[in-house]
Each structure stands twice: as structure tokens, then as C-alpha cells.
């Protein structure tokens, strides 16, 4: 079984490259913590496989929330990243979600149609 983590980023916010990198980093770290609550074997397997991560994009909060809802139906680890508002965007703005680490075949059912960032 293969494992991965997918980060879904909102493009409509027009965040700078550094801001996107920071938000994706938050999602990755928070996602690992959340995955440990689900299945620590998943996390260990993902670490062993080299920590595969895929970053994809959506064009709106509505699209992001649809992906979030779909992930929740599959009962896989999920985190929502909200900005603190210290730089480019208002406090509380949802910037991205992190899905997994979890089995790739389950995550693919949620994110396979999304385009790479």
C-alpha cells in the first residue's frame, strides 16, 4: 500500500509564493499530527516511503469546502489552515487544507481531478 499527503491551496487569494509555501508547510505539519490520531501506522509508512506530498489548487473557498466535505465522507485525516493575518491576507482566512498522510488510493478518490499548483 502506498501513502501520500495532499495539500489543496486556494488560488483566488493571490498569495505570494513565500506565503503559499508557508501555508503549505502549516498544512503538512498539522496533517501529520492529525494523521497520528487516526492511524500511526499510516504515518510511519508515509515517512518510510519518503513523505510524498502533492500540492494542488482550487479557485475558490467554495471549491475548497467541497473537497473538504468529500474527504470527511471518506473519514481520512484532514486539517484546515487559517491565516493569522500578519501579512498578506485577513486573519481567519482559510488558505488551504491538508489531507493525509493516508493511503493514496483513498486520497485519490477525493483529489485526483484537481490540477497541480
PDB file of N, CA and C in Angstrom:
ATOM      1  N   UNK A   1       0.847  -1.175   0.000  1.00  0.00           N
ATOM      2  CA  UNK A   1       0.000   0.000   0.000  1.00  0.00           C
ATOM      3  C   UNK A   1       0.895   1.242   0.000  1.00  0.00           C
ATOM      4  N   UNK A   2       0.518   2.221  -0.822  1.00  0.00           N
ATOM      5  CA  UNK A   2       1.258   3.480  -0.872  1.00  0.00           C
ATOM      6  C   UNK A   2       0.514   4.549  -0.081  1.00  0.00           C
ATOM      7  N   UNK A   3       1.276   5.521   0.418  1.00  0.00           N
ATOM      8  CA  UNK A   3       0.725   6.609   1.225  1.00  0.00           C
ATOM      9  C   UNK A   3       1.183   7.946   0.666  1.00  0.00           C
ATOM     10  N   UNK A   4       0.368   8.978   0.895  1.00  0.00           N
ATOM     11  CA  UNK A   4       0.754  10.323   0.500  1.00  0.00           C
ATOM     12  C   UNK A   4      -0.036  11.335   1.297  1.00  0.00           C
ATOM     13  N   UNK A   5       0.342  12.579   1.096  1.00  0.00           N
ATOM     14  CA  UNK A   5      -0.360  13.710   1.688  1.00  0.00           C
ATOM     15  C   UNK A   5      -0.645  14.684   0.545  1.00  0.00           C
ATOM     16  N   UNK A   6      -1.850  15.234   0.527  1.00  0.00           N
ATOM     17  CA  UNK A   6      -2.206  16.213  -0.495  1.00  0.00           C
ATOM     18  C   UNK A   6      -2.607  17.513   0.189  1.00  0.00           C
ATOM     19  N   UNK A   7      -2.044  18.603  -0.291  1.00  0.00           N
ATOM     20  CA  UNK A   7      -2.386  19.930   0.208  1.00  0.00           C
ATOM     21  C   UNK A   7      -3.159  20.638  -0.913  1.00  0.00           C
ATOM     22  N   UNK A   8      -4.333  21.174  -0.568  1.00  0.00           N
ATOM     23  CA  UNK A   8      -5.184  21.860  -1.535  1.00  0.00           C
ATOM     24  C   UNK A   8      -5.163  23.353  -1.204  1.00  0.00           C
ATOM     25  N   UNK A   9      -4.677  24.163  -2.152  1.00  0.00           N
ATOM     26  CA  UNK A   9      -4.446  25.587  -1.939  1.00  0.00           C
ATOM     27  C   UNK A   9      -5.442  26.422  -2.742  1.00  0.00           C
ATOM     28  N   UNK A  10      -5.948  27.471  -2.102  1.00  0.00           N
ATOM     29  CA  UNK A  10      -6.821  28.434  -2.787  1.00  0.00           C
ATOM     30  C   UNK A  10      -5.987  29.398  -3.627  1.00  0.00           C
ATOM     31  N   UNK A  11      -6.266  29.447  -4.921  1.00  0.00           N
ATOM     32  CA  UNK A  11      -5.564  30.365  -5.813  1.00  0.00           C
ATOM     33  C   UNK A  11      -6.227  31.740  -5.878  1.00  0.00           C
ATOM     34  N   UNK A  12      -7.486  31.832  -5.489  1.00  0.00           N
ATOM     35  CA  UNK A  12      -8.200  33.114  -5.582  1.00  0.00           C
ATOM     36  C   UNK A  12      -7.675  34.160  -4.607  1.00  0.00           C
ATOM     37  N   UNK A  13      -6.905  33.746  -3.628  1.00  0.00           N
ATOM     38  CA  UNK A  13      -6.379  34.691  -2.641  1.00  0.00           C
ATOM     39  C   UNK A  13      -5.170  35.455  -3.165  1.00  0.00           C
ATOM     40  N   UNK A  14      -4.599  34.995  -4.252  1.00  0.00           N
ATOM     41  CA  UNK A  14      -3.438  35.644  -4.873  1.00  0.00           C
ATOM     42  C   UNK A  14      -2.286  35.838  -3.882  1.00  0.00           C
ATOM     43  N   UNK A  15      -2.027  34.796  -3.109  1.00  0.00           N
ATOM     44  CA  UNK A  15      -0.915  34.838  -2.160  1.00  0.00           C
ATOM     45  C   UNK A  15       0.404  34.789  -2.927  1.00  0.00           C
ATOM     46  N   UNK A  16       1.416  35.421  -2.370  1.00  0.00           N
ATOM     47  CA  UNK A  16       2.748  35.336  -2.951  1.00  0.00           C
ATOM     48  C   UNK A  16       3.316  33.930  -2.779  1.00  0.00           C
ATOM     49  N   UNK A  17       4.387  33.660  -3.517  1.00  0.00           N
ATOM     50  CA  UNK A  17       4.995  32.330  -3.483  1.00  0.00           C
ATOM     51  C   UNK A  17       5.437  31.948  -2.070  1.00  0.00           C
ATOM     52  N   UNK A  18       6.054  32.868  -1.362  1.00  0.00           N
ATOM     53  CA  UNK A  18       6.502  32.588   0.004  1.00  0.00           C
ATOM     54  C   UNK A  18       5.342  32.327   0.940  1.00  0.00           C
ATOM     55  N   UNK A  19       4.267  33.083   0.766  1.00  0.00           N
ATOM     56  CA  UNK A  19       3.069  32.902   1.600  1.00  0.00           C
ATOM     57  C   UNK A  19       2.462  31.530   1.349  1.00  0.00           C
ATOM     58  N   UNK A  20       2.370  31.139   0.086  1.00  0.00           N
ATOM     59  CA  UNK A  20       1.845  29.812  -0.244  1.00  0.00           C
ATOM     60  C   UNK A  20       2.724  28.738   0.379  1.00  0.00           C
ATOM     61  N   UNK A  21       4.032  28.901   0.269  1.00  0.00           N
ATOM     62  CA  UNK A  21       4.955  27.912   0.838  1.00  0.00           C
ATOM     63  C   UNK A  21       4.740  27.772   2.344  1.00  0.00           C
ATOM     64  N   UNK A  22       4.555  28.888   3.033  1.00  0.00           N
ATOM     65  CA  UNK A  22       4.333  28.850   4.478  1.00  0.00           C
ATOM     66  C   UNK A  22       3.010  28.149   4.812  1.00  0.00           C
ATOM     67  N   UNK A  23       1.964  28.446   4.061  1.00  0.00           N
ATOM     68  CA  UNK A  23       0.659  27.844   4.325  1.00  0.00           C
ATOM     69  C   UNK A  23       0.690  26.337   4.059  1.00  0.00           C
ATOM     70  N   UNK A  24       1.365  25.944   2.998  1.00  0.00           N
ATOM     71  CA  UNK A  24       1.514  24.516   2.684  1.00  0.00           C
ATOM     72  C   UNK A  24       2.308  23.829   3.795  1.00  0.00           C
ATOM     73  N   UNK A  25       3.332  24.502   4.296  1.00  0.00           N
ATOM     74  CA  UNK A  25       4.111  23.942   5.412  1.00  0.00           C
ATOM     75  C   UNK A  25       3.259  23.736   6.643  1.00  0.00           C
ATOM     76  N   UNK A  26       2.409  24.710   6.947  1.00  0.00           N
ATOM     77  CA  UNK A  26       1.495  24.560   8.085  1.00  0.00           C
ATOM     78  C   UNK A  26       0.596  23.337   7.889  1.00  0.00           C
ATOM     79  N   UNK A  27       0.038  23.201   6.690  1.00  0.00           N
ATOM     80  CA  UNK A  27      -0.866  22.081   6.407  1.00  0.00           C
ATOM     81  C   UNK A  27      -0.145  20.740   6.530  1.00  0.00           C
ATOM     82  N   UNK A  28       1.094  20.686   6.071  1.00  0.00           N
ATOM     83  CA  UNK A  28       1.855  19.436   6.134  1.00  0.00           C
ATOM     84  C   UNK A  28       2.112  19.015   7.578  1.00  0.00           C
ATOM     85  N   UNK A  29       2.579  19.961   8.384  1.00  0.00           N
ATOM     86  CA  UNK A  29       2.895  19.638   9.779  1.00  0.00           C
ATOM     87  C   UNK A  29       1.630  19.286  10.561  1.00  0.00           C
ATOM     88  N   UNK A  30       0.602  20.117  10.426  1.00  0.00           N
ATOM     89  CA  UNK A  30      -0.659  19.851  11.129  1.00  0.00           C
ATOM     90  C   UNK A  30      -1.274  18.529  10.669  1.00  0.00           C
ATOM     91  N   UNK A  31      -1.131  18.231   9.381  1.00  0.00           N
ATOM     92  CA  UNK A  31      -1.676  16.989   8.845  1.00  0.00           C
ATOM     93  C   UNK A  31      -1.037  15.753   9.450  1.00  0.00           C
ATOM     94  N   UNK A  32       0.262  15.802   9.662  1.00  0.00           N
ATOM     95  CA  UNK A  32       0.950  14.665  10.293  1.00  0.00           C
ATOM     96  C   UNK A  32       0.419  14.465  11.707  1.00  0.00           C
ATOM     97  N   UNK A  33       0.286  15.549  12.460  1.00  0.00           N
ATOM     98  CA  UNK A  33      -0.250  15.438  13.819  1.00  0.00           C
ATOM     99  C   UNK A  33      -1.658  14.837  13.805  1.00  0.00           C
ATOM    100  N   UNK A  34      -2.480  15.280  12.871  1.00  0.00           N
ATOM    101  CA  UNK A  34      -3.846  14.766  12.782  1.00  0.00           C
ATOM    102  C   UNK A  34      -3.852  13.292  12.371  1.00  0.00           C
ATOM    103  N   UNK A  35      -2.989  12.920  11.443  1.00  0.00           N
ATOM    104  CA  UNK A  35      -2.933  11.527  10.981  1.00  0.00           C
ATOM    105  C   UNK A  35      -2.522  10.569  12.085  1.00  0.00           C
ATOM    106  N   UNK A  36      -1.668  11.050  12.991  1.00  0.00           N
ATOM    107  CA  UNK A  36      -1.255  10.197  14.116  1.00  0.00           C
ATOM    108  C   UNK A  36      -2.451   9.793  14.969  1.00  0.00           C
ATOM    109  N   UNK A  37      -3.472  10.640  15.028  1.00  0.00           N
ATOM    110  CA  UNK A  37      -4.679  10.327  15.795  1.00  0.00           C
ATOM    111  C   UNK A  37      -5.511   9.240  15.108  1.00  0.00           C
ATOM    112  N   UNK A  38      -5.421   9.170  13.787  1.00  0.00           N
ATOM    113  CA  UNK A  38      -6.181   8.191  13.012  1.00  0.00           C
ATOM    114  C   UNK A  38      -5.504   6.838  13.025  1.00  0.00           C
ATOM    115  N   UNK A  39      -4.241   6.824  12.567  1.00  0.00           N
ATOM    116  CA  UNK A  39      -3.534   5.557  12.400  1.00  0.00           C
ATOM    117  C   UNK A  39      -2.040   5.839  12.328  1.00  0.00           C
ATOM    118  N   UNK A  40      -1.350   5.571  13.403  1.00  0.00           N
ATOM    119  CA  UNK A  40       0.079   5.843  13.459  1.00  0.00           C
ATOM    120  C   UNK A  40       0.857   5.008  12.447  1.00  0.00           C
ATOM    121  N   UNK A  41       0.331   3.837  12.065  1.00  0.00           N
ATOM    122  CA  UNK A  41       0.986   3.012  11.053  1.00  0.00           C
ATOM    123  C   UNK A  41       1.011   3.747   9.712  1.00  0.00           C
ATOM    124  N   UNK A  42      -0.083   4.474   9.418  1.00  0.00           N
ATOM    125  CA  UNK A  42      -0.114   5.265   8.181  1.00  0.00           C
ATOM    126  C   UNK A  42       1.027   6.269   8.173  1.00  0.00           C
ATOM    127  N   UNK A  43       1.223   6.961   9.279  1.00  0.00           N
ATOM    128  CA  UNK A  43       2.268   7.982   9.355  1.00  0.00           C
ATOM    129  C   UNK A  43       3.647   7.338   9.216  1.00  0.00           C
ATOM    130  N   UNK A  44       3.875   6.248   9.916  1.00  0.00           N
ATOM    131  CA  UNK A  44       5.173   5.577   9.824  1.00  0.00           C
ATOM    132  C   UNK A  44       5.436   5.087   8.400  1.00  0.00           C
ATOM    133  N   UNK A  45       4.419   4.537   7.764  1.00  0.00           N
ATOM    134  CA  UNK A  45       4.573   4.057   6.386  1.00  0.00           C
ATOM    135  C   UNK A  45       4.875   5.217   5.439  1.00  0.00           C
ATOM    136  N   UNK A  46       4.176   6.314   5.612  1.00  0.00           N
ATOM    137  CA  UNK A  46       4.381   7.507   4.790  1.00  0.00           C
ATOM    138  C   UNK A  46       5.803   8.047   4.984  1.00  0.00           C
ATOM    139  N   UNK A  47       6.272   8.091   6.227  1.00  0.00           N
ATOM    140  CA  UNK A  47       7.634   8.540   6.500  1.00  0.00           C
ATOM    141  C   UNK A  47       8.644   7.622   5.814  1.00  0.00           C
ATOM    142  N   UNK A  48       8.417   6.315   5.903  1.00  0.00           N
ATOM    143  CA  UNK A  48       9.307   5.328   5.305  1.00  0.00           C
ATOM    144  C   UNK A  48       9.360   5.480   3.782  1.00  0.00           C
ATOM    145  N   UNK A  49       8.238   5.847   3.177  1.00  0.00           N
ATOM    146  CA  UNK A  49       8.161   5.991   1.720  1.00  0.00           C
ATOM    147  C   UNK A  49       8.750   7.310   1.211  1.00  0.00           C
ATOM    148  N   UNK A  50       9.252   8.146   2.110  1.00  0.00           N
ATOM    149  CA  UNK A  50       9.867   9.399   1.694  1.00  0.00           C
ATOM    150  C   UNK A  50       8.964  10.612   1.822  1.00  0.00           C
ATOM    151  N   UNK A  51       7.855  10.470   2.543  1.00  0.00           N
ATOM    152  CA  UNK A  51       6.924  11.562   2.824  1.00  0.00           C
ATOM    153  C   UNK A  51       6.361  12.208   1.559  1.00  0.00           C
ATOM    154  N   UNK A  52       5.799  11.424   0.637  1.00  0.00           N
ATOM    155  CA  UNK A  52       5.262  12.021  -0.595  1.00  0.00           C
ATOM    156  C   UNK A  52       4.170  13.044  -0.308  1.00  0.00           C
ATOM    157  N   UNK A  53       4.318  14.202  -0.964  1.00  0.00           N
ATOM    158  CA  UNK A  53       3.340  15.290  -0.836  1.00  0.00           C
ATOM    159  C   UNK A  53       3.005  15.802  -2.223  1.00  0.00           C
ATOM    160  N   UNK A  54       1.743  16.088  -2.450  1.00  0.00           N
ATOM    161  CA  UNK A  54       1.274  16.669  -3.707  1.00  0.00           C
ATOM    162  C   UNK A  54       0.552  17.962  -3.342  1.00  0.00           C
ATOM    163  N   UNK A  55       0.811  19.040  -4.085  1.00  0.00           N
ATOM    164  CA  UNK A  55       0.125  20.304  -3.844  1.00  0.00           C
ATOM    165  C   UNK A  55      -0.724  20.616  -5.073  1.00  0.00           C
ATOM    166  N   UNK A  56      -2.020  20.765  -4.835  1.00  0.00           N
ATOM    167  CA  UNK A  56      -2.975  21.027  -5.906  1.00  0.00           C
ATOM    168  C   UNK A  56      -3.715  22.330  -5.619  1.00  0.00           C
ATOM    169  N   UNK A  57      -4.520  22.777  -6.585  1.00  0.00           N
ATOM    170  CA  UNK A  57      -5.162  24.080  -6.425  1.00  0.00           C
ATOM    171  C   UNK A  57      -6.661  24.016  -6.686  1.00  0.00           C
ATOM    172  N   UNK A  58      -7.346  24.966  -6.059  1.00  0.00           N
ATOM    173  CA  UNK A  58      -8.755  25.251  -6.343  1.00  0.00           C
ATOM    174  C   UNK A  58      -8.867  26.758  -6.522  1.00  0.00           C
ATOM    175  N   UNK A  59      -9.984  27.194  -7.095  1.00  0.00           N
ATOM    176  CA  UNK A  59     -10.134  28.609  -7.424  1.00  0.00           C
ATOM    177  C   UNK A  59     -11.004  29.395  -6.467  1.00  0.00           C
ATOM    178  N   UNK A  60     -11.533  28.738  -5.419  1.00  0.00           N
ATOM    179  CA  UNK A  60     -12.418  29.464  -4.504  1.00  0.00           C
ATOM    180  C   UNK A  60     -12.549  28.729  -3.183  1.00  0.00           C
ATOM    181  N   UNK A  61     -13.058  29.451  -2.192  1.00  0.00           N
ATOM    182  CA  UNK A  61     -13.364  28.837  -0.902  1.00  0.00           C
ATOM    183  C   UNK A  61     -14.427  27.763  -1.078  1.00  0.00           C
ATOM    184  N   UNK A  62     -15.408  28.019  -1.934  1.00  0.00           N
ATOM    185  CA  UNK A  62     -16.482  27.042  -2.160  1.00  0.00           C
ATOM    186  C   UNK A  62     -15.920  25.715  -2.673  1.00  0.00           C
ATOM    187  N   UNK A  63     -14.990  25.788  -3.646  1.00  0.00           N
ATOM    188  CA  UNK A  63     -14.371  24.563  -4.164  1.00  0.00           C
ATOM    189  C   UNK A  63     -13.596  23.841  -3.060  1.00  0.00           C
ATOM    190  N   UNK A  64     -12.877  24.613  -2.260  1.00  0.00           N
ATOM    191  CA  UNK A  64     -12.094  24.030  -1.174  1.00  0.00           C
ATOM    192  C   UNK A  64     -13.011  23.304  -0.190  1.00  0.00           C
ATOM    193  N   UNK A  65     -14.126  23.924   0.146  1.00  0.00           N
ATOM    194  CA  UNK A  65     -15.054  23.320   1.101  1.00  0.00           C
ATOM    195  C   UNK A  65     -15.707  22.063   0.537  1.00  0.00           C
ATOM    196  N   UNK A  66     -15.904  21.996  -0.774  1.00  0.00           N
ATOM    197  CA  UNK A  66     -16.433  20.769  -1.400  1.00  0.00           C
ATOM    198  C   UNK A  66     -15.434  19.628  -1.258  1.00  0.00           C
ATOM    199  N   UNK A  67     -14.153  19.923  -1.478  1.00  0.00           N
ATOM    200  CA  UNK A  67     -13.107  18.906  -1.318  1.00  0.00           C
ATOM    201  C   UNK A  67     -13.023  18.477   0.142  1.00  0.00           C
ATOM    202  N   UNK A  68     -13.110  19.425   1.046  1.00  0.00           N
ATOM    203  CA  UNK A  68     -13.091  19.121   2.487  1.00  0.00           C
ATOM    204  C   UNK A  68     -14.231  18.187   2.844  1.00  0.00           C
ATOM    205  N   UNK A  69     -15.418  18.485   2.374  1.00  0.00           N
ATOM    206  CA  UNK A  69     -16.594  17.664   2.663  1.00  0.00           C
ATOM    207  C   UNK A  69     -16.426  16.252   2.106  1.00  0.00           C
ATOM    208  N   UNK A  70     -15.884  16.160   0.912  1.00  0.00           N
ATOM    209  CA  UNK A  70     -15.653  14.852   0.288  1.00  0.00           C
ATOM    210  C   UNK A  70     -14.651  14.030   1.114  1.00  0.00           C
ATOM    211  N   UNK A  71     -13.586  14.681   1.570  1.00  0.00           N
ATOM    212  CA  UNK A  71     -12.580  13.996   2.391  1.00  0.00           C
ATOM    213  C   UNK A  71     -13.195  13.507   3.697  1.00  0.00           C
ATOM    214  N   UNK A  72     -14.055  14.321   4.285  1.00  0.00           N
ATOM    215  CA  UNK A  72     -14.701  13.931   5.546  1.00  0.00           C
ATOM    216  C   UNK A  72     -15.558  12.681   5.367  1.00  0.00           C
ATOM    217  N   UNK A  73     -16.185  12.535   4.212  1.00  0.00           N
ATOM    218  CA  UNK A  73     -17.012  11.351   3.948  1.00  0.00           C
ATOM    219  C   UNK A  73     -16.177  10.077   3.919  1.00  0.00           C
ATOM    220  N   UNK A  74     -14.913  10.199   3.495  1.00  0.00           N
ATOM    221  CA  UNK A  74     -14.026   9.036   3.462  1.00  0.00           C
ATOM    222  C   UNK A  74     -13.317   8.823   4.796  1.00  0.00           C
ATOM    223  N   UNK A  75     -13.584   9.700   5.748  1.00  0.00           N
ATOM    224  CA  UNK A  75     -13.032   9.578   7.099  1.00  0.00           C
ATOM    225  C   UNK A  75     -11.508   9.446   7.095  1.00  0.00           C
ATOM    226  N   UNK A  76     -10.862  10.364   6.373  1.00  0.00           N
ATOM    227  CA  UNK A  76      -9.405  10.396   6.355  1.00  0.00           C
ATOM    228  C   UNK A  76      -8.930  11.672   7.059  1.00  0.00           C
ATOM    229  N   UNK A  77      -7.705  11.676   7.552  1.00  0.00           N
ATOM    230  CA  UNK A  77      -7.202  12.837   8.276  1.00  0.00           C
ATOM    231  C   UNK A  77      -7.276  14.105   7.432  1.00  0.00           C
ATOM    232  N   UNK A  78      -7.720  15.179   8.062  1.00  0.00           N
ATOM    233  CA  UNK A  78      -7.946  16.437   7.364  1.00  0.00           C
ATOM    234  C   UNK A  78      -7.677  17.602   8.302  1.00  0.00           C
ATOM    235  N   UNK A  79      -6.978  18.610   7.802  1.00  0.00           N
ATOM    236  CA  UNK A  79      -6.765  19.833   8.574  1.00  0.00           C
ATOM    237  C   UNK A  79      -7.113  21.039   7.708  1.00  0.00           C
ATOM    238  N   UNK A  80      -7.584  22.087   8.365  1.00  0.00           N
ATOM    239  CA  UNK A  80      -7.913  23.341   7.706  1.00  0.00           C
ATOM    240  C   UNK A  80      -6.934  24.392   8.220  1.00  0.00           C
ATOM    241  N   UNK A  81      -6.285  25.093   7.307  1.00  0.00           N
ATOM    242  CA  UNK A  81      -5.315  26.125   7.681  1.00  0.00           C
ATOM    243  C   UNK A  81      -5.970  27.497   7.519  1.00  0.00           C
ATOM    244  N   UNK A  82      -5.940  28.261   8.600  1.00  0.00           N
ATOM    245  CA  UNK A  82      -6.446  29.633   8.591  1.00  0.00           C
ATOM    246  C   UNK A  82      -5.290  30.569   8.912  1.00  0.00           C
ATOM    247  N   UNK A  83      -5.193  31.645   8.146  1.00  0.00           N
ATOM    248  CA  UNK A  83      -4.094  32.588   8.321  1.00  0.00           C
ATOM    249  C   UNK A  83      -4.281  33.443   9.569  1.00  0.00           C
ATOM    250  N   UNK A  84      -3.183  33.868  10.158  1.00  0.00           N
ATOM    251  CA  UNK A  84      -3.234  34.739  11.343  1.00  0.00           C
ATOM    252  C   UNK A  84      -3.395  36.204  10.981  1.00  0.00           C
ATOM    253  N   UNK A  85      -3.261  36.535   9.707  1.00  0.00           N
ATOM    254  CA  UNK A  85      -3.487  37.910   9.277  1.00  0.00           C
ATOM    255  C   UNK A  85      -2.329  38.853   9.508  1.00  0.00           C
ATOM    256  N   UNK A  86      -1.130  38.332   9.621  1.00  0.00           N
ATOM    257  CA  UNK A  86       0.017  39.189   9.910  1.00  0.00           C
ATOM    258  C   UNK A  86       0.635  39.818   8.662  1.00  0.00           C
ATOM    259  N   UNK A  87       0.335  39.279   7.483  1.00  0.00           N
ATOM    260  CA  UNK A  87       0.966  39.830   6.282  1.00  0.00           C
ATOM    261  C   UNK A  87      -0.052  40.132   5.180  1.00  0.00           C
ATOM    262  N   UNK A  88      -0.285  39.198   4.284  1.00  0.00           N
ATOM    263  CA  UNK A  88      -0.989  39.493   3.040  1.00  0.00           C
ATOM    264  C   UNK A  88      -2.507  39.377   3.069  1.00  0.00           C
ATOM    265  N   UNK A  89      -3.042  38.598   3.963  1.00  0.00           N
ATOM    266  CA  UNK A  89      -4.482  38.342   3.943  1.00  0.00           C
ATOM    267  C   UNK A  89      -5.081  38.488   5.340  1.00  0.00           C
ATOM    268  N   UNK A  90      -6.392  38.733   5.430  1.00  0.00           N
ATOM    269  CA  UNK A  90      -7.034  38.957   6.728  1.00  0.00           C
ATOM    270  C   UNK A  90      -6.982  37.737   7.654  1.00  0.00           C
ATOM    271  N   UNK A  91      -6.937  38.012   8.934  1.00  0.00           N
ATOM    272  CA  UNK A  91      -6.941  36.968   9.955  1.00  0.00           C
ATOM    273  C   UNK A  91      -8.174  36.081   9.809  1.00  0.00           C
ATOM    274  N   UNK A  92      -7.958  34.789   9.929  1.00  0.00           N
ATOM    275  CA  UNK A  92      -9.058  33.837   9.862  1.00  0.00           C
ATOM    276  C   UNK A  92      -9.361  33.319   8.468  1.00  0.00           C
ATOM    277  N   UNK A  93      -8.706  33.873   7.456  1.00  0.00           N
ATOM    278  CA  UNK A  93      -8.936  33.419   6.082  1.00  0.00           C
ATOM    279  C   UNK A  93      -8.460  31.983   5.922  1.00  0.00           C
ATOM    280  N   UNK A  94      -9.325  31.122   5.399  1.00  0.00           N
ATOM    281  CA  UNK A  94      -8.946  29.737   5.112  1.00  0.00           C
ATOM    282  C   UNK A  94      -8.107  29.753   3.842  1.00  0.00           C
ATOM    283  N   UNK A  95      -6.854  29.290   3.948  1.00  0.00           N
ATOM    284  CA  UNK A  95      -5.927  29.337   2.819  1.00  0.00           C
ATOM    285  C   UNK A  95      -5.771  27.998   2.115  1.00  0.00           C
ATOM    286  N   UNK A  96      -5.827  26.909   2.875  1.00  0.00           N
ATOM    287  CA  UNK A  96      -5.636  25.585   2.288  1.00  0.00           C
ATOM    288  C   UNK A  96      -6.124  24.516   3.257  1.00  0.00           C
ATOM    289  N   UNK A  97      -6.185  23.303   2.742  1.00  0.00           N
ATOM    290  CA  UNK A  97      -6.461  22.147   3.590  1.00  0.00           C
ATOM    291  C   UNK A  97      -5.382  21.104   3.333  1.00  0.00           C
ATOM    292  N   UNK A  98      -5.134  20.296   4.339  1.00  0.00           N
ATOM    293  CA  UNK A  98      -4.216  19.178   4.205  1.00  0.00           C
ATOM    294  C   UNK A  98      -4.986  17.886   4.379  1.00  0.00           C
ATOM    295  N   UNK A  99      -4.765  16.966   3.479  1.00  0.00           N
ATOM    296  CA  UNK A  99      -5.427  15.659   3.533  1.00  0.00           C
ATOM    297  C   UNK A  99      -4.334  14.599   3.673  1.00  0.00           C
ATOM    298  N   UNK A 100      -4.423  13.800   4.736  1.00  0.00           N
ATOM    299  CA  UNK A 100      -3.426  12.776   4.984  1.00  0.00           C
ATOM    300  C   UNK A 100      -2.271  13.329   5.803  1.00  0.00           C
ATOM    301  N   UNK A 101      -1.253  12.495   5.937  1.00  0.00           N
ATOM    302  CA  UNK A 101      -0.919  11.268   5.255  1.00  0.00           C
ATOM    303  C   UNK A 101      -1.959  10.162   5.466  1.00  0.00           C
ATOM    304  N   UNK A 102      -2.243   9.486   4.366  1.00  0.00           N
ATOM    305  CA  UNK A 102      -3.220   8.404   4.355  1.00  0.00           C
ATOM    306  C   UNK A 102      -2.960   7.560   3.110  1.00  0.00           C
ATOM    307  N   UNK A 103      -3.638   6.417   3.000  1.00  0.00           N
ATOM    308  CA  UNK A 103      -3.452   5.594   1.799  1.00  0.00           C
ATOM    309  C   UNK A 103      -3.774   6.384   0.526  1.00  0.00           C
ATOM    310  N   UNK A 104      -2.882   6.271  -0.459  1.00  0.00           N
ATOM    311  CA  UNK A 104      -3.027   7.014  -1.712  1.00  0.00           C
ATOM    312  C   UNK A 104      -4.336   6.715  -2.419  1.00  0.00           C
ATOM    313  N   UNK A 105      -4.767   5.466  -2.391  1.00  0.00           N
ATOM    314  CA  UNK A 105      -5.989   5.118  -3.123  1.00  0.00           C
ATOM    315  C   UNK A 105      -7.222   5.808  -2.542  1.00  0.00           C
ATOM    316  N   UNK A 106      -7.229   6.054  -1.248  1.00  0.00           N
ATOM    317  CA  UNK A 106      -8.364   6.769  -0.640  1.00  0.00           C
ATOM    318  C   UNK A 106      -8.275   8.260  -0.987  1.00  0.00           C
ATOM    319  N   UNK A 107      -7.095   8.846  -0.834  1.00  0.00           N
ATOM    320  CA  UNK A 107      -6.933  10.267  -1.141  1.00  0.00           C
ATOM    321  C   UNK A 107      -7.269  10.543  -2.612  1.00  0.00           C
ATOM    322  N   UNK A 108      -6.890   9.626  -3.498  1.00  0.00           N
ATOM    323  CA  UNK A 108      -7.170   9.812  -4.924  1.00  0.00           C
ATOM    324  C   UNK A 108      -8.667   9.929  -5.206  1.00  0.00           C
ATOM    325  N   UNK A 109      -9.488   9.279  -4.409  1.00  0.00           N
ATOM    326  CA  UNK A 109     -10.936   9.374  -4.589  1.00  0.00           C
ATOM    327  C   UNK A 109     -11.441  10.785  -4.316  1.00  0.00           C
ATOM    328  N   UNK A 110     -10.647  11.569  -3.577  1.00  0.00           N
ATOM    329  CA  UNK A 110     -11.031  12.927  -3.197  1.00  0.00           C
ATOM    330  C   UNK A 110     -10.388  13.978  -4.101  1.00  0.00           C
ATOM    331  N   UNK A 111      -9.122  13.767  -4.483  1.00  0.00           N
ATOM    332  CA  UNK A 111      -8.356  14.849  -5.111  1.00  0.00           C
ATOM    333  C   UNK A 111      -7.855  14.576  -6.513  1.00  0.00           C
ATOM    334  N   UNK A 112      -8.105  13.410  -7.083  1.00  0.00           N
ATOM    335  CA  UNK A 112      -7.477  13.039  -8.358  1.00  0.00           C
ATOM    336  C   UNK A 112      -7.835  13.973  -9.517  1.00  0.00           C
ATOM    337  N   UNK A 113      -8.947  14.672  -9.431  1.00  0.00           N
ATOM    338  CA  UNK A 113      -9.350  15.553 -10.541  1.00  0.00           C
ATOM    339  C   UNK A 113      -8.780  16.966 -10.416  1.00  0.00           C
ATOM    340  N   UNK A 114      -8.111  17.269  -9.317  1.00  0.00           N
ATOM    341  CA  UNK A 114      -7.559  18.606  -9.122  1.00  0.00           C
ATOM    342  C   UNK A 114      -6.229  18.762  -9.850  1.00  0.00           C
ATOM    343  N   UNK A 115      -5.946  19.974 -10.307  1.00  0.00           N
ATOM    344  CA  UNK A 115      -4.714  20.256 -11.033  1.00  0.00           C
ATOM    345  C   UNK A 115      -3.599  20.639 -10.074  1.00  0.00           C
ATOM    346  N   UNK A 116      -2.366  20.286 -10.453  1.00  0.00           N
ATOM    347  CA  UNK A 116      -1.205  20.657  -9.649  1.00  0.00           C
ATOM    348  C   UNK A 116      -1.090  22.179  -9.546  1.00  0.00           C
ATOM    349  N   UNK A 117      -0.559  22.625  -8.432  1.00  0.00           N
ATOM    350  CA  UNK A 117      -0.397  24.069  -8.207  1.00  0.00           C
ATOM    351  C   UNK A 117       0.594  24.642  -9.181  1.00  0.00           C
TER     352      UNK A 117
END
